[in-house]
């Protein structure tokens, strides 16, 4: 499954990063390596970019970058999802309510 196929609130574990060499290296430098767990937080209104949480970082990826990241879908822990939802409530890519 591709990272771009996960929905907001779903978690995954990186199994492979396949992209152009420059982009692949940058994603791996940011911590997206095999075995890393991540969570999709939200999508921009038109579906691009995608915001994810990975190793305590909030990363924003273009959809074509997310399509190059293979993941295994993980179960969502309800309390963690609720905490992220309350943290991000009212915020939308640079604008706050």
Protein backbone atom coordinates (compact mmCIF):
# COMPACT_ATOMS: atom_id res chain seq x y z
CA UNK A 1 0.00 0.00 0.00
CA UNK A 2 1.20 3.54 -0.74
CA UNK A 3 1.35 6.27 1.89
CA UNK A 4 -0.89 8.38 -0.35
CA UNK A 5 -3.64 5.71 0.00
CA UNK A 6 -3.92 6.06 3.80
CA UNK A 7 -6.72 8.24 5.13
CA UNK A 8 -6.42 10.95 7.78
CA UNK A 9 -5.97 9.37 11.21
CA UNK A 10 -4.58 6.09 9.87
CA UNK A 11 -1.15 4.80 10.84
CA UNK A 12 1.41 2.91 8.82
CA UNK A 13 4.92 1.49 8.95
CA UNK A 14 7.35 2.28 6.13
CA UNK A 15 8.41 -0.80 4.15
CA UNK A 16 10.21 0.89 1.23
CA UNK A 17 11.06 4.29 -0.23
CA UNK A 18 11.16 4.29 -4.04
CA UNK A 19 11.57 7.63 -5.73
CA UNK A 20 14.06 9.71 -7.66
CA UNK A 21 17.48 9.42 -5.95
CA UNK A 22 17.55 13.04 -4.73
CA UNK A 23 14.02 12.89 -3.30
CA UNK A 24 14.60 9.41 -1.84
CA UNK A 25 17.71 10.60 -0.02
CA UNK A 26 15.92 13.66 1.37
CA UNK A 27 12.97 11.57 2.63
CA UNK A 28 15.36 9.14 4.28
CA UNK A 29 17.28 12.04 5.87
CA UNK A 30 13.97 13.22 7.34
CA UNK A 31 13.51 9.81 9.00
CA UNK A 32 11.31 7.97 6.51
CA UNK A 33 13.28 4.72 6.52
CA UNK A 34 12.14 1.09 6.63
CA UNK A 35 10.42 0.30 9.94
CA UNK A 36 9.46 3.89 10.80
CA UNK A 37 5.91 4.32 12.08
CA UNK A 38 3.93 7.33 10.90
CA UNK A 39 0.43 8.76 11.06
CA UNK A 40 -1.43 10.67 8.38
CA UNK A 41 -2.81 13.77 10.07
CA UNK A 42 -4.64 15.61 7.31
CA UNK A 43 -4.87 16.51 3.64
CA UNK A 44 -5.04 19.94 2.05
CA UNK A 45 -8.48 20.80 0.59
CA UNK A 46 -7.57 19.52 -2.89
CA UNK A 47 -5.73 16.45 -1.52
CA UNK A 48 -2.20 17.77 -2.00
CA UNK A 49 -0.05 18.14 0.15
CA UNK A 50 -0.37 15.53 2.89
CA UNK A 51 0.67 16.19 6.50
CA UNK A 52 2.10 13.28 8.50
CA UNK A 53 3.58 12.76 11.95
CA UNK A 54 6.82 10.80 12.01
CA UNK A 55 9.26 10.41 14.94
CA UNK A 56 7.87 13.50 16.65
CA UNK A 57 8.09 15.62 13.50
CA UNK A 58 5.26 17.08 11.44
CA UNK A 59 6.12 16.58 7.77
CA UNK A 60 4.26 17.84 4.73
CA UNK A 61 4.72 15.81 1.55
CA UNK A 62 3.49 16.25 -1.98
CA UNK A 63 1.18 13.50 -3.18
CA UNK A 64 3.73 12.28 -5.76
CA UNK A 65 6.35 11.96 -2.98
CA UNK A 66 3.88 10.02 -0.81
CA UNK A 67 3.15 7.64 -3.71
CA UNK A 68 6.79 6.53 -3.65
CA UNK A 69 6.58 5.43 0.01
CA UNK A 70 5.29 1.90 0.59
CA UNK A 71 3.67 1.25 3.98
CA UNK A 72 1.94 -1.49 5.93
CA UNK A 73 -1.24 -0.20 7.55
CA UNK A 74 -1.24 -0.37 11.37
CA UNK A 75 -4.07 -0.33 13.89
CA UNK A 76 -5.04 3.09 15.25
CA UNK A 77 -4.80 3.64 19.00
CA UNK A 78 -7.92 5.65 19.88
CA UNK A 79 -6.42 7.82 22.64
CA UNK A 80 -3.52 8.91 20.43
CA UNK A 81 -5.86 9.81 17.57
CA UNK A 82 -8.02 11.84 19.93
CA UNK A 83 -5.02 13.75 21.28
CA UNK A 84 -3.86 14.71 17.76
CA UNK A 85 -7.38 15.71 16.81
CA UNK A 86 -7.65 18.05 19.79
CA UNK A 87 -4.20 19.50 19.09
CA UNK A 88 -5.00 20.25 15.46
CA UNK A 89 -8.62 21.31 15.87
CA UNK A 90 -9.26 24.52 14.00
CA UNK A 91 -5.87 24.63 12.27
CA UNK A 92 -5.67 24.34 8.53
CA UNK A 93 -2.26 24.63 6.85
CA UNK A 94 -0.99 27.85 8.33
CA UNK A 95 -4.31 29.34 9.37
CA UNK A 96 -5.75 29.07 12.83
CA UNK A 97 -9.34 29.49 13.93
